[in-house]
Amino acid sequence: MFTQRCSRCGQVKRATAFRRQSSSRTGRETICKACRKKHDAMVKAMSFGPLPEPEGSEEWVEEIWRRASIIRDEHRT
């Protein structure tokens, strides 16, 4: 039975608790499915909706920078 330690929660779990990832040395992600699910939910909650069109316009670039600064500020606290 192959086990692996989750890089997020630190728990040792069976290999089936990790998503497959052919590019990794073990063939599995380093984050367990439960932690990945929490992470994906957090990212979705931080979603700001669609960006202004056209891509690359001045408004689009300003919005990207605004969103990035909000995310940076949230991670600093």
PDB file of N, CA and C in Angstrom:
ATOM      1  N   MET A   1       0.849  -1.184   0.000  1.00  0.00           N
ATOM      2  CA  MET A   1       0.000   0.000   0.000  1.00  0.00           C
ATOM      3  C   MET A   1       0.895   1.249   0.000  1.00  0.00           C
ATOM      4  N   PHE A   2       0.725   2.085  -0.991  1.00  0.00           N
ATOM      5  CA  PHE A   2       1.498   3.312  -1.131  1.00  0.00           C
ATOM      6  C   PHE A   2       0.828   4.430  -0.345  1.00  0.00           C
ATOM      7  N   THR A   3       1.603   5.120   0.478  1.00  0.00           N
ATOM      8  CA  THR A   3       1.088   6.270   1.216  1.00  0.00           C
ATOM      9  C   THR A   3       1.922   7.500   0.882  1.00  0.00           C
ATOM     10  N   GLN A   4       1.330   8.639   1.177  1.00  0.00           N
ATOM     11  CA  GLN A   4       1.983   9.903   0.857  1.00  0.00           C
ATOM     12  C   GLN A   4       1.527  10.936   1.865  1.00  0.00           C
ATOM     13  N   ARG A   5       2.407  11.902   2.169  1.00  0.00           N
ATOM     14  CA  ARG A   5       2.063  12.973   3.100  1.00  0.00           C
ATOM     15  C   ARG A   5       1.545  14.176   2.309  1.00  0.00           C
ATOM     16  N   CYS A   6       0.435  14.731   2.738  1.00  0.00           N
ATOM     17  CA  CYS A   6      -0.142  15.921   2.100  1.00  0.00           C
ATOM     18  C   CYS A   6       0.700  17.133   2.484  1.00  0.00           C
ATOM     19  N   SER A   7       1.054  17.931   1.486  1.00  0.00           N
ATOM     20  CA  SER A   7       1.881  19.107   1.760  1.00  0.00           C
ATOM     21  C   SER A   7       1.087  20.236   2.419  1.00  0.00           C
ATOM     22  N   ARG A   8      -0.237  20.151   2.442  1.00  0.00           N
ATOM     23  CA  ARG A   8      -1.075  21.176   3.089  1.00  0.00           C
ATOM     24  C   ARG A   8      -1.391  20.811   4.539  1.00  0.00           C
ATOM     25  N   CYS A   9      -2.037  19.673   4.724  1.00  0.00           N
ATOM     26  CA  CYS A   9      -2.493  19.305   6.073  1.00  0.00           C
ATOM     27  C   CYS A   9      -1.465  18.479   6.838  1.00  0.00           C
ATOM     28  N   GLY A  10      -0.499  17.905   6.133  1.00  0.00           N
ATOM     29  CA  GLY A  10       0.553  17.132   6.780  1.00  0.00           C
ATOM     30  C   GLY A  10       0.182  15.712   7.151  1.00  0.00           C
ATOM     31  N   GLN A  11      -1.026  15.284   6.838  1.00  0.00           N
ATOM     32  CA  GLN A  11      -1.459  13.935   7.170  1.00  0.00           C
ATOM     33  C   GLN A  11      -0.924  12.937   6.150  1.00  0.00           C
ATOM     34  N   VAL A  12      -0.622  11.727   6.620  1.00  0.00           N
ATOM     35  CA  VAL A  12      -0.204  10.648   5.730  1.00  0.00           C
ATOM     36  C   VAL A  12      -1.463   9.907   5.312  1.00  0.00           C
ATOM     37  N   LYS A  13      -1.667   9.807   3.993  1.00  0.00           N
ATOM     38  CA  LYS A  13      -2.883   9.190   3.462  1.00  0.00           C
ATOM     39  C   LYS A  13      -2.527   8.204   2.359  1.00  0.00           C
ATOM     40  N   ARG A  14      -3.487   7.349   2.017  1.00  0.00           N
ATOM     41  CA  ARG A  14      -3.313   6.430   0.897  1.00  0.00           C
ATOM     42  C   ARG A  14      -3.164   7.199  -0.403  1.00  0.00           C
ATOM     43  N   ALA A  15      -2.538   6.579  -1.370  1.00  0.00           N
ATOM     44  CA  ALA A  15      -2.323   7.216  -2.673  1.00  0.00           C
ATOM     45  C   ALA A  15      -3.642   7.586  -3.336  1.00  0.00           C
ATOM     46  N   THR A  16      -4.682   6.835  -3.071  1.00  0.00           N
ATOM     47  CA  THR A  16      -5.977   7.118  -3.693  1.00  0.00           C
ATOM     48  C   THR A  16      -6.598   8.417  -3.179  1.00  0.00           C
ATOM     49  N   ALA A  17      -6.054   8.982  -2.104  1.00  0.00           N
ATOM     50  CA  ALA A  17      -6.545  10.247  -1.570  1.00  0.00           C
ATOM     51  C   ALA A  17      -5.943  11.440  -2.310  1.00  0.00           C
ATOM     52  N   PHE A  18      -5.091  11.165  -3.302  1.00  0.00           N
ATOM     53  CA  PHE A  18      -4.441  12.214  -4.083  1.00  0.00           C
ATOM     54  C   PHE A  18      -4.810  12.062  -5.545  1.00  0.00           C
ATOM     55  N   ARG A  19      -5.009  13.181  -6.226  1.00  0.00           N
ATOM     56  CA  ARG A  19      -5.310  13.147  -7.655  1.00  0.00           C
ATOM     57  C   ARG A  19      -4.079  12.669  -8.422  1.00  0.00           C
ATOM     58  N   ARG A  20      -4.335  12.060  -9.569  1.00  0.00           N
ATOM     59  CA  ARG A  20      -3.232  11.632 -10.415  1.00  0.00           C
ATOM     60  C   ARG A  20      -2.590  12.834 -11.086  1.00  0.00           C
ATOM     61  N   GLN A  21      -1.267  12.744 -11.246  1.00  0.00           N
ATOM     62  CA  GLN A  21      -0.522  13.796 -11.930  1.00  0.00           C
ATOM     63  C   GLN A  21       0.714  13.132 -12.544  1.00  0.00           C
ATOM     64  N   SER A  22       0.635  12.898 -13.839  1.00  0.00           N
ATOM     65  CA  SER A  22       1.683  12.131 -14.504  1.00  0.00           C
ATOM     66  C   SER A  22       3.037  12.834 -14.494  1.00  0.00           C
ATOM     67  N   SER A  23       3.057  14.140 -14.346  1.00  0.00           N
ATOM     68  CA  SER A  23       4.324  14.866 -14.369  1.00  0.00           C
ATOM     69  C   SER A  23       5.092  14.807 -13.051  1.00  0.00           C
ATOM     70  N   SER A  24       4.456  14.335 -11.981  1.00  0.00           N
ATOM     71  CA  SER A  24       5.150  14.275 -10.699  1.00  0.00           C
ATOM     72  C   SER A  24       5.922  12.959 -10.572  1.00  0.00           C
ATOM     73  N   ARG A  25       6.872  12.954  -9.678  1.00  0.00           N
ATOM     74  CA  ARG A  25       7.723  11.780  -9.464  1.00  0.00           C
ATOM     75  C   ARG A  25       6.916  10.575  -8.987  1.00  0.00           C
ATOM     76  N   THR A  26       5.941  10.820  -8.110  1.00  0.00           N
ATOM     77  CA  THR A  26       5.131   9.729  -7.559  1.00  0.00           C
ATOM     78  C   THR A  26       3.920   9.393  -8.412  1.00  0.00           C
ATOM     79  N   GLY A  27       3.591  10.264  -9.358  1.00  0.00           N
ATOM     80  CA  GLY A  27       2.402  10.062 -10.179  1.00  0.00           C
ATOM     81  C   GLY A  27       1.140  10.605  -9.532  1.00  0.00           C
ATOM     82  N   ARG A  28       1.313  11.310  -8.420  1.00  0.00           N
ATOM     83  CA  ARG A  28       0.181  11.896  -7.686  1.00  0.00           C
ATOM     84  C   ARG A  28       0.494  13.338  -7.325  1.00  0.00           C
ATOM     85  N   GLU A  29      -0.554  14.148  -7.110  1.00  0.00           N
ATOM     86  CA  GLU A  29      -0.361  15.517  -6.634  1.00  0.00           C
ATOM     87  C   GLU A  29       0.201  15.488  -5.220  1.00  0.00           C
ATOM     88  N   THR A  30       0.763  16.596  -4.777  1.00  0.00           N
ATOM     89  CA  THR A  30       1.303  16.669  -3.421  1.00  0.00           C
ATOM     90  C   THR A  30       0.244  17.088  -2.407  1.00  0.00           C
ATOM     91  N   ILE A  31      -0.907  17.566  -2.892  1.00  0.00           N
ATOM     92  CA  ILE A  31      -2.004  18.004  -2.025  1.00  0.00           C
ATOM     93  C   ILE A  31      -3.130  16.976  -2.122  1.00  0.00           C
ATOM     94  N   CYS A  32      -3.669  16.535  -0.988  1.00  0.00           N
ATOM     95  CA  CYS A  32      -4.740  15.534  -0.999  1.00  0.00           C
ATOM     96  C   CYS A  32      -6.020  16.114  -1.597  1.00  0.00           C
ATOM     97  N   LYS A  33      -6.927  15.250  -1.964  1.00  0.00           N
ATOM     98  CA  LYS A  33      -8.173  15.674  -2.603  1.00  0.00           C
ATOM     99  C   LYS A  33      -8.992  16.591  -1.693  1.00  0.00           C
ATOM    100  N   ALA A  34      -8.998  16.302  -0.398  1.00  0.00           N
ATOM    101  CA  ALA A  34      -9.775  17.121   0.542  1.00  0.00           C
ATOM    102  C   ALA A  34      -9.219  18.543   0.614  1.00  0.00           C
ATOM    103  N   CYS A  35      -7.891  18.664   0.700  1.00  0.00           N
ATOM    104  CA  CYS A  35      -7.274  19.995   0.749  1.00  0.00           C
ATOM    105  C   CYS A  35      -7.420  20.702  -0.589  1.00  0.00           C
ATOM    106  N   ARG A  36      -7.327  19.961  -1.689  1.00  0.00           N
ATOM    107  CA  ARG A  36      -7.496  20.552  -3.017  1.00  0.00           C
ATOM    108  C   ARG A  36      -8.909  21.100  -3.169  1.00  0.00           C
ATOM    109  N   LYS A  37      -9.903  20.357  -2.633  1.00  0.00           N
ATOM    110  CA  LYS A  37     -11.290  20.803  -2.716  1.00  0.00           C
ATOM    111  C   LYS A  37     -11.474  22.117  -1.954  1.00  0.00           C
ATOM    112  N   LYS A  38     -10.874  22.219  -0.759  1.00  0.00           N
ATOM    113  CA  LYS A  38     -10.959  23.457   0.021  1.00  0.00           C
ATOM    114  C   LYS A  38     -10.278  24.606  -0.714  1.00  0.00           C
ATOM    115  N   HIS A  39      -9.110  24.321  -1.294  1.00  0.00           N
ATOM    116  CA  HIS A  39      -8.370  25.342  -2.034  1.00  0.00           C
ATOM    117  C   HIS A  39      -9.168  25.826  -3.240  1.00  0.00           C
ATOM    118  N   ASP A  40      -9.743  24.900  -4.002  1.00  0.00           N
ATOM    119  CA  ASP A  40     -10.531  25.268  -5.176  1.00  0.00           C
ATOM    120  C   ASP A  40     -11.752  26.106  -4.794  1.00  0.00           C
ATOM    121  N   ALA A  41     -12.384  25.771  -3.664  1.00  0.00           N
ATOM    122  CA  ALA A  41     -13.537  26.540  -3.194  1.00  0.00           C
ATOM    123  C   ALA A  41     -13.119  27.958  -2.817  1.00  0.00           C
ATOM    124  N   MET A  42     -11.936  28.100  -2.191  1.00  0.00           N
ATOM    125  CA  MET A  42     -11.436  29.411  -1.820  1.00  0.00           C
ATOM    126  C   MET A  42     -11.152  30.252  -3.069  1.00  0.00           C
ATOM    127  N   VAL A  43     -10.537  29.639  -4.064  1.00  0.00           N
ATOM    128  CA  VAL A  43     -10.232  30.353  -5.301  1.00  0.00           C
ATOM    129  C   VAL A  43     -11.521  30.780  -5.998  1.00  0.00           C
ATOM    130  N   LYS A  44     -12.515  29.892  -6.014  1.00  0.00           N
ATOM    131  CA  LYS A  44     -13.789  30.234  -6.641  1.00  0.00           C
ATOM    132  C   LYS A  44     -14.476  31.374  -5.898  1.00  0.00           C
ATOM    133  N   ALA A  45     -14.382  31.369  -4.573  1.00  0.00           N
ATOM    134  CA  ALA A  45     -14.998  32.436  -3.776  1.00  0.00           C
ATOM    135  C   ALA A  45     -14.319  33.776  -4.022  1.00  0.00           C
ATOM    136  N   MET A  46     -13.037  33.738  -4.373  1.00  0.00           N
ATOM    137  CA  MET A  46     -12.288  34.963  -4.632  1.00  0.00           C
ATOM    138  C   MET A  46     -12.473  35.459  -6.064  1.00  0.00           C
ATOM    139  N   SER A  47     -13.217  34.716  -6.861  1.00  0.00           N
ATOM    140  CA  SER A  47     -13.417  35.093  -8.252  1.00  0.00           C
ATOM    141  C   SER A  47     -14.147  36.426  -8.330  1.00  0.00           C
ATOM    142  N   PHE A  48     -13.737  37.238  -9.253  1.00  0.00           N
ATOM    143  CA  PHE A  48     -14.292  38.575  -9.372  1.00  0.00           C
ATOM    144  C   PHE A  48     -15.251  38.721 -10.541  1.00  0.00           C
ATOM    145  N   GLY A  49     -15.529  37.658 -11.247  1.00  0.00           N
ATOM    146  CA  GLY A  49     -16.402  37.751 -12.408  1.00  0.00           C
ATOM    147  C   GLY A  49     -15.617  38.010 -13.682  1.00  0.00           C
ATOM    148  N   PRO A  50     -16.320  38.245 -14.770  1.00  0.00           N
ATOM    149  CA  PRO A  50     -15.648  38.406 -16.063  1.00  0.00           C
ATOM    150  C   PRO A  50     -14.843  39.705 -16.145  1.00  0.00           C
ATOM    151  N   LEU A  51     -13.814  39.663 -16.942  1.00  0.00           N
ATOM    152  CA  LEU A  51     -12.984  40.844 -17.179  1.00  0.00           C
ATOM    153  C   LEU A  51     -13.581  41.684 -18.295  1.00  0.00           C
ATOM    154  N   PRO A  52     -13.298  42.990 -18.285  1.00  0.00           N
ATOM    155  CA  PRO A  52     -13.791  43.838 -19.367  1.00  0.00           C
ATOM    156  C   PRO A  52     -13.152  43.464 -20.705  1.00  0.00           C
ATOM    157  N   GLU A  53     -13.868  43.696 -21.764  1.00  0.00           N
ATOM    158  CA  GLU A  53     -13.371  43.413 -23.117  1.00  0.00           C
ATOM    159  C   GLU A  53     -12.904  44.697 -23.768  1.00  0.00           C
ATOM    160  N   PRO A  54     -12.063  44.682 -24.723  1.00  0.00           N
ATOM    161  CA  PRO A  54     -11.312  43.548 -25.223  1.00  0.00           C
ATOM    162  C   PRO A  54     -10.089  43.267 -24.341  1.00  0.00           C
ATOM    163  N   GLU A  55      -9.627  42.043 -24.384  1.00  0.00           N
ATOM    164  CA  GLU A  55      -8.456  41.656 -23.619  1.00  0.00           C
ATOM    165  C   GLU A  55      -7.256  42.500 -24.055  1.00  0.00           C
ATOM    166  N   GLY A  56      -6.525  43.014 -23.076  1.00  0.00           N
ATOM    167  CA  GLY A  56      -5.366  43.849 -23.367  1.00  0.00           C
ATOM    168  C   GLY A  56      -5.671  45.333 -23.398  1.00  0.00           C
ATOM    169  N   SER A  57      -6.959  45.693 -23.315  1.00  0.00           N
ATOM    170  CA  SER A  57      -7.316  47.111 -23.310  1.00  0.00           C
ATOM    171  C   SER A  57      -6.869  47.746 -21.991  1.00  0.00           C
ATOM    172  N   GLU A  58      -6.871  49.057 -21.945  1.00  0.00           N
ATOM    173  CA  GLU A  58      -6.446  49.778 -20.744  1.00  0.00           C
ATOM    174  C   GLU A  58      -7.325  49.412 -19.551  1.00  0.00           C
ATOM    175  N   GLU A  59      -8.640  49.300 -19.752  1.00  0.00           N
ATOM    176  CA  GLU A  59      -9.560  48.934 -18.670  1.00  0.00           C
ATOM    177  C   GLU A  59      -9.270  47.517 -18.170  1.00  0.00           C
ATOM    178  N   TRP A  60      -8.950  46.628 -19.106  1.00  0.00           N
ATOM    179  CA  TRP A  60      -8.655  45.231 -18.774  1.00  0.00           C
ATOM    180  C   TRP A  60      -7.412  45.159 -17.895  1.00  0.00           C
ATOM    181  N   VAL A  61      -6.364  45.859 -18.284  1.00  0.00           N
ATOM    182  CA  VAL A  61      -5.101  45.852 -17.530  1.00  0.00           C
ATOM    183  C   VAL A  61      -5.303  46.458 -16.146  1.00  0.00           C
ATOM    184  N   GLU A  62      -6.029  47.552 -16.058  1.00  0.00           N
ATOM    185  CA  GLU A  62      -6.299  48.182 -14.761  1.00  0.00           C
ATOM    186  C   GLU A  62      -7.060  47.229 -13.838  1.00  0.00           C
ATOM    187  N   GLU A  63      -8.029  46.518 -14.389  1.00  0.00           N
ATOM    188  CA  GLU A  63      -8.811  45.566 -13.584  1.00  0.00           C
ATOM    189  C   GLU A  63      -7.949  44.415 -13.088  1.00  0.00           C
ATOM    190  N   ILE A  64      -7.059  43.923 -13.926  1.00  0.00           N
ATOM    191  CA  ILE A  64      -6.142  42.849 -13.512  1.00  0.00           C
ATOM    192  C   ILE A  64      -5.291  43.309 -12.337  1.00  0.00           C
ATOM    193  N   TRP A  65      -4.723  44.502 -12.434  1.00  0.00           N
ATOM    194  CA  TRP A  65      -3.887  45.030 -11.355  1.00  0.00           C
ATOM    195  C   TRP A  65      -4.700  45.274 -10.085  1.00  0.00           C
ATOM    196  N   ARG A  66      -5.934  45.737 -10.226  1.00  0.00           N
ATOM    197  CA  ARG A  66      -6.789  45.962  -9.060  1.00  0.00           C
ATOM    198  C   ARG A  66      -7.067  44.647  -8.338  1.00  0.00           C
ATOM    199  N   ARG A  67      -7.413  43.620  -9.103  1.00  0.00           N
ATOM    200  CA  ARG A  67      -7.692  42.313  -8.505  1.00  0.00           C
ATOM    201  C   ARG A  67      -6.458  41.721  -7.853  1.00  0.00           C
ATOM    202  N   ALA A  68      -5.316  41.864  -8.484  1.00  0.00           N
ATOM    203  CA  ALA A  68      -4.069  41.334  -7.922  1.00  0.00           C
ATOM    204  C   ALA A  68      -3.736  42.000  -6.599  1.00  0.00           C
ATOM    205  N   SER A  69      -3.949  43.310  -6.509  1.00  0.00           N
ATOM    206  CA  SER A  69      -3.647  44.011  -5.258  1.00  0.00           C
ATOM    207  C   SER A  69      -4.586  43.562  -4.141  1.00  0.00           C
ATOM    208  N   ILE A  70      -5.837  43.304  -4.456  1.00  0.00           N
ATOM    209  CA  ILE A  70      -6.784  42.813  -3.450  1.00  0.00           C
ATOM    210  C   ILE A  70      -6.338  41.450  -2.931  1.00  0.00           C
ATOM    211  N   ILE A  71      -5.952  40.564  -3.831  1.00  0.00           N
ATOM    212  CA  ILE A  71      -5.523  39.219  -3.437  1.00  0.00           C
ATOM    213  C   ILE A  71      -4.246  39.302  -2.606  1.00  0.00           C
ATOM    214  N   ARG A  72      -3.291  40.139  -3.011  1.00  0.00           N
ATOM    215  CA  ARG A  72      -2.047  40.289  -2.242  1.00  0.00           C
ATOM    216  C   ARG A  72      -2.349  40.787  -0.836  1.00  0.00           C
ATOM    217  N   ASP A  73      -3.241  41.774  -0.718  1.00  0.00           N
ATOM    218  CA  ASP A  73      -3.589  42.329   0.601  1.00  0.00           C
ATOM    219  C   ASP A  73      -4.244  41.276   1.481  1.00  0.00           C
ATOM    220  N   GLU A  74      -5.085  40.426   0.915  1.00  0.00           N
ATOM    221  CA  GLU A  74      -5.756  39.381   1.684  1.00  0.00           C
ATOM    222  C   GLU A  74      -4.757  38.352   2.210  1.00  0.00           C
ATOM    223  N   HIS A  75      -3.730  38.045   1.428  1.00  0.00           N
ATOM    224  CA  HIS A  75      -2.754  37.027   1.833  1.00  0.00           C
ATOM    225  C   HIS A  75      -1.737  37.566   2.825  1.00  0.00           C
ATOM    226  N   ARG A  76      -1.574  38.866   2.916  1.00  0.00           N
ATOM    227  CA  ARG A  76      -0.639  39.457   3.871  1.00  0.00           C
ATOM    228  C   ARG A  76      -1.168  39.412   5.287  1.00  0.00           C
ATOM    229  N   THR A  77      -2.486  39.428   5.432  1.00  0.00           N
ATOM    230  CA  THR A  77      -3.085  39.449   6.775  1.00  0.00           C
ATOM    231  C   THR A  77      -3.236  38.083   7.349  1.00  0.00           C
TER     232      THR A  77
END
